[in-house]
């Protein structure tokens, strides 16, 4: 089913990637502001990467539609936590582990999308 999206609906897949990135950013903001966990410098860098992926994927999926990021960006990139301290886990994995898995899956999907689209030409 997922492979069929590469061929039939690449823009829908890019929209999903953008939405997942936004959801991950929102969850990070919830952990920061709702739970009280301070993001470490690596978390801040990961937020930059997630914003970049979300914007590029979203703009590609929607062509010329842009989102209101002017107010969100300062809030997203504020923090001073410690990377080595594990404050939260889910299924035995830390935030850093889940972030790595998310980036890996997004990179794999993006690579497969590029390869499939290049093969169709």
PDB file of N, CA and C in Angstrom:
ATOM      1  N   UNK A   1       0.817  -1.192   0.000  1.00  0.00           N
ATOM      2  CA  UNK A   1       0.000   0.000   0.000  1.00  0.00           C
ATOM      3  C   UNK A   1       0.862   1.258   0.000  1.00  0.00           C
ATOM      4  N   UNK A   2       1.887   1.299   0.865  1.00  0.00           N
ATOM      5  CA  UNK A   2       2.757   2.467   0.931  1.00  0.00           C
ATOM      6  C   UNK A   2       3.503   2.672  -0.381  1.00  0.00           C
ATOM      7  N   UNK A   3       3.963   1.572  -0.979  1.00  0.00           N
ATOM      8  CA  UNK A   3       4.683   1.700  -2.242  1.00  0.00           C
ATOM      9  C   UNK A   3       3.811   2.268  -3.346  1.00  0.00           C
ATOM     10  N   UNK A   4       2.525   1.992  -3.315  1.00  0.00           N
ATOM     11  CA  UNK A   4       1.648   2.541  -4.347  1.00  0.00           C
ATOM     12  C   UNK A   4       1.543   4.062  -4.236  1.00  0.00           C
ATOM     13  N   UNK A   5       1.696   4.603  -3.032  1.00  0.00           N
ATOM     14  CA  UNK A   5       1.670   6.062  -2.859  1.00  0.00           C
ATOM     15  C   UNK A   5       2.847   6.741  -3.548  1.00  0.00           C
ATOM     16  N   UNK A   6       3.980   6.044  -3.644  1.00  0.00           N
ATOM     17  CA  UNK A   6       5.144   6.617  -4.312  1.00  0.00           C
ATOM     18  C   UNK A   6       4.837   6.907  -5.779  1.00  0.00           C
ATOM     19  N   UNK A   7       4.060   6.026  -6.399  1.00  0.00           N
ATOM     20  CA  UNK A   7       3.755   6.174  -7.813  1.00  0.00           C
ATOM     21  C   UNK A   7       2.481   6.971  -8.067  1.00  0.00           C
ATOM     22  N   UNK A   8       1.457   6.737  -7.265  1.00  0.00           N
ATOM     23  CA  UNK A   8       0.154   7.332  -7.561  1.00  0.00           C
ATOM     24  C   UNK A   8      -0.080   8.678  -6.892  1.00  0.00           C
ATOM     25  N   UNK A   9       0.495   8.899  -5.754  1.00  0.00           N
ATOM     26  CA  UNK A   9       0.208  10.128  -5.016  1.00  0.00           C
ATOM     27  C   UNK A   9       1.439  10.667  -4.278  1.00  0.00           C
ATOM     28  N   UNK A  10       2.494  11.055  -5.008  1.00  0.00           N
ATOM     29  CA  UNK A  10       3.689  11.553  -4.312  1.00  0.00           C
ATOM     30  C   UNK A  10       3.420  12.833  -3.518  1.00  0.00           C
ATOM     31  N   UNK A  11       2.515  13.676  -4.011  1.00  0.00           N
ATOM     32  CA  UNK A  11       2.203  14.905  -3.273  1.00  0.00           C
ATOM     33  C   UNK A  11       1.481  14.593  -1.968  1.00  0.00           C
ATOM     34  N   UNK A  12       0.621  13.592  -1.976  1.00  0.00           N
ATOM     35  CA  UNK A  12      -0.069  13.190  -0.744  1.00  0.00           C
ATOM     36  C   UNK A  12       0.950  12.655   0.262  1.00  0.00           C
ATOM     37  N   UNK A  13       1.917  11.888  -0.209  1.00  0.00           N
ATOM     38  CA  UNK A  13       2.959  11.356   0.660  1.00  0.00           C
ATOM     39  C   UNK A  13       3.789  12.494   1.255  1.00  0.00           C
ATOM     40  N   UNK A  14       4.128  13.488   0.437  1.00  0.00           N
ATOM     41  CA  UNK A  14       4.864  14.642   0.945  1.00  0.00           C
ATOM     42  C   UNK A  14       4.032  15.424   1.960  1.00  0.00           C
ATOM     43  N   UNK A  15       2.739  15.510   1.735  1.00  0.00           N
ATOM     44  CA  UNK A  15       1.866  16.173   2.706  1.00  0.00           C
ATOM     45  C   UNK A  15       1.865  15.415   4.029  1.00  0.00           C
ATOM     46  N   UNK A  16       1.860  14.089   3.957  1.00  0.00           N
ATOM     47  CA  UNK A  16       1.921  13.273   5.181  1.00  0.00           C
ATOM     48  C   UNK A  16       3.245  13.488   5.906  1.00  0.00           C
ATOM     49  N   UNK A  17       4.346  13.541   5.159  1.00  0.00           N
ATOM     50  CA  UNK A  17       5.654  13.787   5.774  1.00  0.00           C
ATOM     51  C   UNK A  17       5.641  15.129   6.488  1.00  0.00           C
ATOM     52  N   UNK A  18       5.105  16.136   5.825  1.00  0.00           N
ATOM     53  CA  UNK A  18       5.014  17.464   6.436  1.00  0.00           C
ATOM     54  C   UNK A  18       4.160  17.414   7.700  1.00  0.00           C
ATOM     55  N   UNK A  19       3.038  16.731   7.639  1.00  0.00           N
ATOM     56  CA  UNK A  19       2.146  16.625   8.799  1.00  0.00           C
ATOM     57  C   UNK A  19       2.809  15.886   9.957  1.00  0.00           C
ATOM     58  N   UNK A  20       3.545  14.833   9.656  1.00  0.00           N
ATOM     59  CA  UNK A  20       4.244  14.082  10.709  1.00  0.00           C
ATOM     60  C   UNK A  20       5.297  14.972  11.366  1.00  0.00           C
ATOM     61  N   UNK A  21       6.029  15.747  10.563  1.00  0.00           N
ATOM     62  CA  UNK A  21       7.024  16.665  11.117  1.00  0.00           C
ATOM     63  C   UNK A  21       6.363  17.694  12.036  1.00  0.00           C
ATOM     64  N   UNK A  22       5.245  18.238  11.613  1.00  0.00           N
ATOM     65  CA  UNK A  22       4.526  19.211  12.434  1.00  0.00           C
ATOM     66  C   UNK A  22       4.037  18.549  13.724  1.00  0.00           C
ATOM     67  N   UNK A  23       3.556  17.313  13.618  1.00  0.00           N
ATOM     68  CA  UNK A  23       3.103  16.597  14.816  1.00  0.00           C
ATOM     69  C   UNK A  23       4.266  16.345  15.778  1.00  0.00           C
ATOM     70  N   UNK A  24       5.423  15.982  15.237  1.00  0.00           N
ATOM     71  CA  UNK A  24       6.590  15.772  16.090  1.00  0.00           C
ATOM     72  C   UNK A  24       7.018  17.072  16.759  1.00  0.00           C
ATOM     73  N   UNK A  25       6.982  18.179  16.018  1.00  0.00           N
ATOM     74  CA  UNK A  25       7.300  19.480  16.608  1.00  0.00           C
ATOM     75  C   UNK A  25       6.290  19.851  17.697  1.00  0.00           C
ATOM     76  N   UNK A  26       5.024  19.606  17.433  1.00  0.00           N
ATOM     77  CA  UNK A  26       3.983  19.907  18.420  1.00  0.00           C
ATOM     78  C   UNK A  26       4.177  19.072  19.683  1.00  0.00           C
ATOM     79  N   UNK A  27       4.531  17.799  19.502  1.00  0.00           N
ATOM     80  CA  UNK A  27       4.762  16.948  20.662  1.00  0.00           C
ATOM     81  C   UNK A  27       5.974  17.435  21.455  1.00  0.00           C
ATOM     82  N   UNK A  28       7.010  17.872  20.750  1.00  0.00           N
ATOM     83  CA  UNK A  28       8.181  18.437  21.425  1.00  0.00           C
ATOM     84  C   UNK A  28       7.819  19.680  22.224  1.00  0.00           C
ATOM     85  N   UNK A  29       6.965  20.519  21.638  1.00  0.00           N
ATOM     86  CA  UNK A  29       6.515  21.716  22.356  1.00  0.00           C
ATOM     87  C   UNK A  29       5.661  21.344  23.570  1.00  0.00           C
ATOM     88  N   UNK A  30       4.848  20.299  23.422  1.00  0.00           N
ATOM     89  CA  UNK A  30       4.060  19.816  24.562  1.00  0.00           C
ATOM     90  C   UNK A  30       4.991  19.335  25.677  1.00  0.00           C
ATOM     91  N   UNK A  31       6.005  18.552  25.319  1.00  0.00           N
ATOM     92  CA  UNK A  31       6.947  18.072  26.331  1.00  0.00           C
ATOM     93  C   UNK A  31       7.675  19.236  27.001  1.00  0.00           C
ATOM     94  N   UNK A  32       7.983  20.274  26.213  1.00  0.00           N
ATOM     95  CA  UNK A  32       8.687  21.426  26.770  1.00  0.00           C
ATOM     96  C   UNK A  32       7.782  22.285  27.645  1.00  0.00           C
ATOM     97  N   UNK A  33       6.633  22.673  27.110  1.00  0.00           N
ATOM     98  CA  UNK A  33       5.782  23.619  27.820  1.00  0.00           C
ATOM     99  C   UNK A  33       4.721  22.955  28.701  1.00  0.00           C
ATOM    100  N   UNK A  34       4.265  21.767  28.324  1.00  0.00           N
ATOM    101  CA  UNK A  34       3.241  21.081  29.099  1.00  0.00           C
ATOM    102  C   UNK A  34       3.810  20.239  30.219  1.00  0.00           C
ATOM    103  N   UNK A  35       4.866  19.495  29.909  1.00  0.00           N
ATOM    104  CA  UNK A  35       5.462  18.594  30.892  1.00  0.00           C
ATOM    105  C   UNK A  35       6.591  19.277  31.662  1.00  0.00           C
ATOM    106  N   UNK A  36       7.215  20.285  31.036  1.00  0.00           N
ATOM    107  CA  UNK A  36       8.285  21.015  31.710  1.00  0.00           C
ATOM    108  C   UNK A  36       9.676  20.514  31.397  1.00  0.00           C
ATOM    109  N   UNK A  37       9.846  19.707  30.347  1.00  0.00           N
ATOM    110  CA  UNK A  37      11.171  19.235  29.964  1.00  0.00           C
ATOM    111  C   UNK A  37      11.856  20.294  29.118  1.00  0.00           C
ATOM    112  N   UNK A  38      13.087  20.636  29.454  1.00  0.00           N
ATOM    113  CA  UNK A  38      13.848  21.619  28.684  1.00  0.00           C
ATOM    114  C   UNK A  38      14.615  20.909  27.577  1.00  0.00           C
ATOM    115  N   UNK A  39      14.502  21.382  26.337  1.00  0.00           N
ATOM    116  CA  UNK A  39      15.223  20.735  25.243  1.00  0.00           C
ATOM    117  C   UNK A  39      16.723  21.033  25.312  1.00  0.00           C
ATOM    118  N   UNK A  40      17.509  20.037  24.949  1.00  0.00           N
ATOM    119  CA  UNK A  40      18.957  20.203  24.907  1.00  0.00           C
ATOM    120  C   UNK A  40      19.344  20.847  23.575  1.00  0.00           C
ATOM    121  N   UNK A  41      20.613  21.228  23.406  1.00  0.00           N
ATOM    122  CA  UNK A  41      21.041  21.819  22.129  1.00  0.00           C
ATOM    123  C   UNK A  41      20.780  20.905  20.932  1.00  0.00           C
ATOM    124  N   UNK A  42      20.931  19.601  21.091  1.00  0.00           N
ATOM    125  CA  UNK A  42      20.663  18.675  19.993  1.00  0.00           C
ATOM    126  C   UNK A  42      19.174  18.680  19.629  1.00  0.00           C
ATOM    127  N   UNK A  43      18.325  18.778  20.632  1.00  0.00           N
ATOM    128  CA  UNK A  43      16.882  18.860  20.366  1.00  0.00           C
ATOM    129  C   UNK A  43      16.553  20.115  19.557  1.00  0.00           C
ATOM    130  N   UNK A  44      17.216  21.204  19.869  1.00  0.00           N
ATOM    131  CA  UNK A  44      16.990  22.452  19.140  1.00  0.00           C
ATOM    132  C   UNK A  44      17.403  22.285  17.685  1.00  0.00           C
ATOM    133  N   UNK A  45      18.557  21.663  17.444  1.00  0.00           N
ATOM    134  CA  UNK A  45      19.017  21.414  16.074  1.00  0.00           C
ATOM    135  C   UNK A  45      18.037  20.502  15.343  1.00  0.00           C
ATOM    136  N   UNK A  46      17.531  19.481  16.039  1.00  0.00           N
ATOM    137  CA  UNK A  46      16.550  18.586  15.428  1.00  0.00           C
ATOM    138  C   UNK A  46      15.272  19.341  15.077  1.00  0.00           C
ATOM    139  N   UNK A  47      14.901  20.316  15.883  1.00  0.00           N
ATOM    140  CA  UNK A  47      13.720  21.115  15.563  1.00  0.00           C
ATOM    141  C   UNK A  47      13.944  21.917  14.284  1.00  0.00           C
ATOM    142  N   UNK A  48      15.142  22.474  14.127  1.00  0.00           N
ATOM    143  CA  UNK A  48      15.455  23.177  12.877  1.00  0.00           C
ATOM    144  C   UNK A  48      15.302  22.235  11.686  1.00  0.00           C
ATOM    145  N   UNK A  49      15.840  21.026  11.826  1.00  0.00           N
ATOM    146  CA  UNK A  49      15.756  20.051  10.734  1.00  0.00           C
ATOM    147  C   UNK A  49      14.301  19.668  10.452  1.00  0.00           C
ATOM    148  N   UNK A  50      13.524  19.452  11.503  1.00  0.00           N
ATOM    149  CA  UNK A  50      12.116  19.108  11.311  1.00  0.00           C
ATOM    150  C   UNK A  50      11.341  20.238  10.636  1.00  0.00           C
ATOM    151  N   UNK A  51      11.619  21.467  11.028  1.00  0.00           N
ATOM    152  CA  UNK A  51      10.952  22.607  10.390  1.00  0.00           C
ATOM    153  C   UNK A  51      11.332  22.661   8.916  1.00  0.00           C
ATOM    154  N   UNK A  52      12.612  22.465   8.621  1.00  0.00           N
ATOM    155  CA  UNK A  52      13.066  22.484   7.229  1.00  0.00           C
ATOM    156  C   UNK A  52      12.379  21.398   6.407  1.00  0.00           C
ATOM    157  N   UNK A  53      12.339  20.178   6.940  1.00  0.00           N
ATOM    158  CA  UNK A  53      11.688  19.070   6.229  1.00  0.00           C
ATOM    159  C   UNK A  53      10.197  19.351   6.067  1.00  0.00           C
ATOM    160  N   UNK A  54       9.548  19.841   7.123  1.00  0.00           N
ATOM    161  CA  UNK A  54       8.111  20.129   7.051  1.00  0.00           C
ATOM    162  C   UNK A  54       7.820  21.197   6.007  1.00  0.00           C
ATOM    163  N   UNK A  55       8.620  22.250   5.983  1.00  0.00           N
ATOM    164  CA  UNK A  55       8.386  23.338   5.043  1.00  0.00           C
ATOM    165  C   UNK A  55       8.632  22.884   3.610  1.00  0.00           C
ATOM    166  N   UNK A  56       9.753  22.209   3.384  1.00  0.00           N
ATOM    167  CA  UNK A  56      10.070  21.753   2.021  1.00  0.00           C
ATOM    168  C   UNK A  56       9.030  20.753   1.534  1.00  0.00           C
ATOM    169  N   UNK A  57       8.705  19.769   2.350  1.00  0.00           N
ATOM    170  CA  UNK A  57       7.708  18.772   1.953  1.00  0.00           C
ATOM    171  C   UNK A  57       6.339  19.414   1.766  1.00  0.00           C
ATOM    172  N   UNK A  58       5.970  20.308   2.667  1.00  0.00           N
ATOM    173  CA  UNK A  58       4.673  20.969   2.567  1.00  0.00           C
ATOM    174  C   UNK A  58       4.557  21.857   1.346  1.00  0.00           C
ATOM    175  N   UNK A  59       5.608  22.637   1.086  1.00  0.00           N
ATOM    176  CA  UNK A  59       5.578  23.508  -0.092  1.00  0.00           C
ATOM    177  C   UNK A  59       5.571  22.702  -1.381  1.00  0.00           C
ATOM    178  N   UNK A  60       6.300  21.605  -1.383  1.00  0.00           N
ATOM    179  CA  UNK A  60       6.299  20.748  -2.565  1.00  0.00           C
ATOM    180  C   UNK A  60       4.929  20.113  -2.764  1.00  0.00           C
ATOM    181  N   UNK A  61       4.302  19.695  -1.683  1.00  0.00           N
ATOM    182  CA  UNK A  61       2.983  19.069  -1.784  1.00  0.00           C
ATOM    183  C   UNK A  61       1.900  20.073  -2.171  1.00  0.00           C
ATOM    184  N   UNK A  62       2.008  21.284  -1.667  1.00  0.00           N
ATOM    185  CA  UNK A  62       0.961  22.275  -1.890  1.00  0.00           C
ATOM    186  C   UNK A  62       1.328  23.335  -2.925  1.00  0.00           C
ATOM    187  N   UNK A  63       2.488  23.213  -3.509  1.00  0.00           N
ATOM    188  CA  UNK A  63       3.009  24.131  -4.511  1.00  0.00           C
ATOM    189  C   UNK A  63       3.317  25.503  -3.937  1.00  0.00           C
ATOM    190  N   UNK A  64       2.344  26.394  -3.849  1.00  0.00           N
ATOM    191  CA  UNK A  64       2.662  27.765  -3.452  1.00  0.00           C
ATOM    192  C   UNK A  64       2.053  28.190  -2.119  1.00  0.00           C
ATOM    193  N   UNK A  65       1.451  27.294  -1.401  1.00  0.00           N
ATOM    194  CA  UNK A  65       0.814  27.649  -0.136  1.00  0.00           C
ATOM    195  C   UNK A  65       1.852  27.657   0.995  1.00  0.00           C
ATOM    196  N   UNK A  66       1.886  28.735   1.794  1.00  0.00           N
ATOM    197  CA  UNK A  66       2.839  28.866   2.895  1.00  0.00           C
ATOM    198  C   UNK A  66       2.106  28.944   4.230  1.00  0.00           C
ATOM    199  N   UNK A  67       2.750  28.515   5.314  1.00  0.00           N
ATOM    200  CA  UNK A  67       2.151  28.544   6.653  1.00  0.00           C
ATOM    201  C   UNK A  67       2.624  29.749   7.455  1.00  0.00           C
ATOM    202  N   UNK A  68       1.928  30.177   8.522  1.00  0.00           N
ATOM    203  CA  UNK A  68       2.311  31.309   9.391  1.00  0.00           C
ATOM    204  C   UNK A  68       3.329  30.901  10.430  1.00  0.00           C
ATOM    205  N   UNK A  69       4.617  30.839  10.050  1.00  0.00           N
ATOM    206  CA  UNK A  69       5.679  30.386  10.953  1.00  0.00           C
ATOM    207  C   UNK A  69       6.336  31.526  11.733  1.00  0.00           C
ATOM    208  N   UNK A  70       5.999  32.769  11.420  1.00  0.00           N
ATOM    209  CA  UNK A  70       6.689  33.910  12.022  1.00  0.00           C
ATOM    210  C   UNK A  70       6.606  33.903  13.553  1.00  0.00           C
ATOM    211  N   UNK A  71       5.452  33.577  14.119  1.00  0.00           N
ATOM    212  CA  UNK A  71       5.294  33.556  15.576  1.00  0.00           C
ATOM    213  C   UNK A  71       5.762  32.241  16.175  1.00  0.00           C
ATOM    214  N   UNK A  72       5.679  31.158  15.431  1.00  0.00           N
ATOM    215  CA  UNK A  72       6.003  29.840  15.979  1.00  0.00           C
ATOM    216  C   UNK A  72       7.504  29.603  16.108  1.00  0.00           C
ATOM    217  N   UNK A  73       8.295  30.142  15.181  1.00  0.00           N
ATOM    218  CA  UNK A  73       9.730  29.840  15.166  1.00  0.00           C
ATOM    219  C   UNK A  73      10.432  30.241  16.460  1.00  0.00           C
ATOM    220  N   UNK A  74      10.244  31.451  17.007  1.00  0.00           N
ATOM    221  CA  UNK A  74      10.933  31.763  18.270  1.00  0.00           C
ATOM    222  C   UNK A  74      10.556  30.823  19.411  1.00  0.00           C
ATOM    223  N   UNK A  75       9.296  30.408  19.480  1.00  0.00           N
ATOM    224  CA  UNK A  75       8.842  29.511  20.539  1.00  0.00           C
ATOM    225  C   UNK A  75       9.433  28.109  20.368  1.00  0.00           C
ATOM    226  N   UNK A  76       9.579  27.673  19.127  1.00  0.00           N
ATOM    227  CA  UNK A  76      10.073  26.325  18.849  1.00  0.00           C
ATOM    228  C   UNK A  76      11.529  26.161  19.258  1.00  0.00           C
ATOM    229  N   UNK A  77      12.344  27.192  19.043  1.00  0.00           N
ATOM    230  CA  UNK A  77      13.789  27.058  19.212  1.00  0.00           C
ATOM    231  C   UNK A  77      14.320  27.643  20.510  1.00  0.00           C
ATOM    232  N   UNK A  78      13.506  27.654  21.557  1.00  0.00           N
ATOM    233  CA  UNK A  78      13.921  28.152  22.853  1.00  0.00           C
ATOM    234  C   UNK A  78      14.082  26.976  23.809  1.00  0.00           C
ATOM    235  N   UNK A  79      15.218  26.904  24.499  1.00  0.00           N
ATOM    236  CA  UNK A  79      15.426  25.834  25.465  1.00  0.00           C
ATOM    237  C   UNK A  79      16.867  25.752  25.915  1.00  0.00           C
ATOM    238  N   UNK A  80      17.104  24.999  26.999  1.00  0.00           N
ATOM    239  CA  UNK A  80      18.465  24.883  27.515  1.00  0.00           C
ATOM    240  C   UNK A  80      18.671  23.581  28.294  1.00  0.00           C
ATOM    241  N   UNK A  81      17.987  22.511  27.930  1.00  0.00           N
ATOM    242  CA  UNK A  81      18.103  21.244  28.659  1.00  0.00           C
ATOM    243  C   UNK A  81      19.413  20.526  28.413  1.00  0.00           C
ATOM    244  N   UNK A  82      19.595  19.396  29.082  1.00  0.00           N
ATOM    245  CA  UNK A  82      20.811  18.600  28.986  1.00  0.00           C
ATOM    246  C   UNK A  82      20.537  17.333  28.195  1.00  0.00           C
ATOM    247  N   UNK A  83      21.318  17.095  27.145  1.00  0.00           N
ATOM    248  CA  UNK A  83      21.132  15.932  26.263  1.00  0.00           C
ATOM    249  C   UNK A  83      21.322  14.594  26.984  1.00  0.00           C
ATOM    250  N   UNK A  84      22.211  14.562  27.939  1.00  0.00           N
ATOM    251  CA  UNK A  84      22.537  13.289  28.571  1.00  0.00           C
ATOM    252  C   UNK A  84      21.491  12.839  29.581  1.00  0.00           C
ATOM    253  N   UNK A  85      20.657  13.734  30.031  1.00  0.00           N
ATOM    254  CA  UNK A  85      19.628  13.401  31.015  1.00  0.00           C
ATOM    255  C   UNK A  85      18.385  12.878  30.292  1.00  0.00           C
ATOM    256  N   UNK A  86      17.941  11.684  30.662  1.00  0.00           N
ATOM    257  CA  UNK A  86      16.746  11.086  30.055  1.00  0.00           C
ATOM    258  C   UNK A  86      15.569  11.328  30.998  1.00  0.00           C
ATOM    259  N   UNK A  87      14.682  12.244  30.569  1.00  0.00           N
ATOM    260  CA  UNK A  87      13.537  12.604  31.392  1.00  0.00           C
ATOM    261  C   UNK A  87      12.260  11.894  30.982  1.00  0.00           C
ATOM    262  N   UNK A  88      12.235  11.324  29.778  1.00  0.00           N
ATOM    263  CA  UNK A  88      10.999  10.762  29.240  1.00  0.00           C
ATOM    264  C   UNK A  88      11.348   9.584  28.350  1.00  0.00           C
ATOM    265  N   UNK A  89      10.573   8.519  28.458  1.00  0.00           N
ATOM    266  CA  UNK A  89      10.745   7.367  27.568  1.00  0.00           C
ATOM    267  C   UNK A  89       9.381   6.856  27.144  1.00  0.00           C
ATOM    268  N   UNK A  90       9.371   6.195  25.997  1.00  0.00           N
ATOM    269  CA  UNK A  90       8.175   5.528  25.495  1.00  0.00           C
ATOM    270  C   UNK A  90       8.635   4.226  24.872  1.00  0.00           C
ATOM    271  N   UNK A  91       8.076   3.122  25.312  1.00  0.00           N
ATOM    272  CA  UNK A  91       8.479   1.785  24.870  1.00  0.00           C
ATOM    273  C   UNK A  91       9.981   1.569  25.049  1.00  0.00           C
ATOM    274  N   UNK A  92      10.519   2.140  26.120  1.00  0.00           N
ATOM    275  CA  UNK A  92      11.921   1.957  26.452  1.00  0.00           C
ATOM    276  C   UNK A  92      12.889   2.836  25.667  1.00  0.00           C
ATOM    277  N   UNK A  93      12.388   3.715  24.813  1.00  0.00           N
ATOM    278  CA  UNK A  93      13.263   4.575  24.017  1.00  0.00           C
ATOM    279  C   UNK A  93      13.104   6.027  24.447  1.00  0.00           C
ATOM    280  N   UNK A  94      14.224   6.753  24.437  1.00  0.00           N
ATOM    281  CA  UNK A  94      14.207   8.158  24.830  1.00  0.00           C
ATOM    282  C   UNK A  94      13.731   9.040  23.680  1.00  0.00           C
ATOM    283  N   UNK A  95      13.585  10.326  23.954  1.00  0.00           N
ATOM    284  CA  UNK A  95      13.193  11.279  22.925  1.00  0.00           C
ATOM    285  C   UNK A  95      14.213  11.281  21.796  1.00  0.00           C
ATOM    286  N   UNK A  96      15.491  11.236  22.149  1.00  0.00           N
ATOM    287  CA  UNK A  96      16.538  11.215  21.124  1.00  0.00           C
ATOM    288  C   UNK A  96      16.416   9.967  20.242  1.00  0.00           C
ATOM    289  N   UNK A  97      16.122   8.826  20.847  1.00  0.00           N
ATOM    290  CA  UNK A  97      15.949   7.597  20.068  1.00  0.00           C
ATOM    291  C   UNK A  97      14.773   7.711  19.111  1.00  0.00           C
ATOM    292  N   UNK A  98      13.641   8.202  19.610  1.00  0.00           N
ATOM    293  CA  UNK A  98      12.456   8.349  18.754  1.00  0.00           C
ATOM    294  C   UNK A  98      12.691   9.378  17.655  1.00  0.00           C
ATOM    295  N   UNK A  99      13.422  10.424  17.980  1.00  0.00           N
ATOM    296  CA  UNK A  99      13.732  11.431  16.966  1.00  0.00           C
ATOM    297  C   UNK A  99      14.594  10.828  15.865  1.00  0.00           C
ATOM    298  N   UNK A 100      15.591  10.036  16.247  1.00  0.00           N
ATOM    299  CA  UNK A 100      16.452   9.373  15.264  1.00  0.00           C
ATOM    300  C   UNK A 100      15.644   8.426  14.377  1.00  0.00           C
ATOM    301  N   UNK A 101      14.765   7.656  14.980  1.00  0.00           N
ATOM    302  CA  UNK A 101      13.921   6.734  14.213  1.00  0.00           C
ATOM    303  C   UNK A 101      13.038   7.509  13.243  1.00  0.00           C
ATOM    304  N   UNK A 102      12.441   8.613  13.724  1.00  0.00           N
ATOM    305  CA  UNK A 102      11.577   9.427  12.866  1.00  0.00           C
ATOM    306  C   UNK A 102      12.344   9.992  11.683  1.00  0.00           C
ATOM    307  N   UNK A 103      13.521  10.551  11.938  1.00  0.00           N
ATOM    308  CA  UNK A 103      14.326  11.087  10.849  1.00  0.00           C
ATOM    309  C   UNK A 103      14.744   9.986   9.881  1.00  0.00           C
ATOM    310  N   UNK A 104      15.084   8.827  10.414  1.00  0.00           N
ATOM    311  CA  UNK A 104      15.466   7.711   9.545  1.00  0.00           C
ATOM    312  C   UNK A 104      14.330   7.276   8.633  1.00  0.00           C
ATOM    313  N   UNK A 105      13.132   7.164   9.182  1.00  0.00           N
ATOM    314  CA  UNK A 105      11.972   6.774   8.371  1.00  0.00           C
ATOM    315  C   UNK A 105      11.660   7.844   7.329  1.00  0.00           C
ATOM    316  N   UNK A 106      11.702   9.122   7.735  1.00  0.00           N
ATOM    317  CA  UNK A 106      11.444  10.203   6.783  1.00  0.00           C
ATOM    318  C   UNK A 106      12.487  10.203   5.677  1.00  0.00           C
ATOM    319  N   UNK A 107      13.758  10.028   6.034  1.00  0.00           N
ATOM    320  CA  UNK A 107      14.819   9.997   5.024  1.00  0.00           C
ATOM    321  C   UNK A 107      14.637   8.818   4.075  1.00  0.00           C
ATOM    322  N   UNK A 108      14.262   7.661   4.613  1.00  0.00           N
ATOM    323  CA  UNK A 108      14.039   6.482   3.775  1.00  0.00           C
ATOM    324  C   UNK A 108      12.878   6.699   2.817  1.00  0.00           C
ATOM    325  N   UNK A 109      11.784   7.254   3.309  1.00  0.00           N
ATOM    326  CA  UNK A 109      10.630   7.526   2.450  1.00  0.00           C
ATOM    327  C   UNK A 109      10.997   8.543   1.372  1.00  0.00           C
ATOM    328  N   UNK A 110      11.729   9.596   1.759  1.00  0.00           N
ATOM    329  CA  UNK A 110      12.138  10.611   0.779  1.00  0.00           C
ATOM    330  C   UNK A 110      13.065  10.006  -0.278  1.00  0.00           C
ATOM    331  N   UNK A 111      14.004   9.171   0.135  1.00  0.00           N
ATOM    332  CA  UNK A 111      14.911   8.521  -0.809  1.00  0.00           C
ATOM    333  C   UNK A 111      14.150   7.609  -1.762  1.00  0.00           C
ATOM    334  N   UNK A 112      13.220   6.830  -1.217  1.00  0.00           N
ATOM    335  CA  UNK A 112      12.425   5.946  -2.068  1.00  0.00           C
ATOM    336  C   UNK A 112      11.576   6.746  -3.047  1.00  0.00           C
ATOM    337  N   UNK A 113      11.043   7.877  -2.605  1.00  0.00           N
ATOM    338  CA  UNK A 113      10.246   8.737  -3.472  1.00  0.00           C
ATOM    339  C   UNK A 113      11.098   9.275  -4.615  1.00  0.00           C
ATOM    340  N   UNK A 114      12.298   9.726  -4.314  1.00  0.00           N
ATOM    341  CA  UNK A 114      13.202  10.246  -5.352  1.00  0.00           C
ATOM    342  C   UNK A 114      13.574   9.147  -6.335  1.00  0.00           C
ATOM    343  N   UNK A 115      13.912   7.967  -5.838  1.00  0.00           N
ATOM    344  CA  UNK A 115      14.303   6.850  -6.708  1.00  0.00           C
ATOM    345  C   UNK A 115      13.148   6.422  -7.598  1.00  0.00           C
ATOM    346  N   UNK A 116      11.960   6.314  -7.029  1.00  0.00           N
ATOM    347  CA  UNK A 116      10.786   5.897  -7.815  1.00  0.00           C
ATOM    348  C   UNK A 116      10.434   6.931  -8.882  1.00  0.00           C
ATOM    349  N   UNK A 117      10.503   8.209  -8.512  1.00  0.00           N
ATOM    350  CA  UNK A 117      10.179   9.249  -9.475  1.00  0.00           C
ATOM    351  C   UNK A 117      11.230   9.323 -10.577  1.00  0.00           C
ATOM    352  N   UNK A 118      12.506   9.130 -10.237  1.00  0.00           N
ATOM    353  CA  UNK A 118      13.567   9.137 -11.242  1.00  0.00           C
ATOM    354  C   UNK A 118      13.438   7.950 -12.197  1.00  0.00           C
ATOM    355  N   UNK A 119      12.968   6.827 -11.669  1.00  0.00           N
ATOM    356  CA  UNK A 119      12.783   5.631 -12.491  1.00  0.00           C
ATOM    357  C   UNK A 119      11.630   5.751 -13.467  1.00  0.00           C
ATOM    358  N   UNK A 120      10.694   6.637 -13.197  1.00  0.00           N
ATOM    359  CA  UNK A 120       9.524   6.806 -14.076  1.00  0.00           C
ATOM    360  C   UNK A 120       9.831   7.690 -15.269  1.00  0.00           C
ATOM    361  N   UNK A 121      10.965   8.388 -15.244  1.00  0.00           N
ATOM    362  CA  UNK A 121      11.316   9.302 -16.336  1.00  0.00           C
ATOM    363  C   UNK A 121      12.036   8.635 -17.446  1.00  0.00           C
TER     364      UNK A 121
END
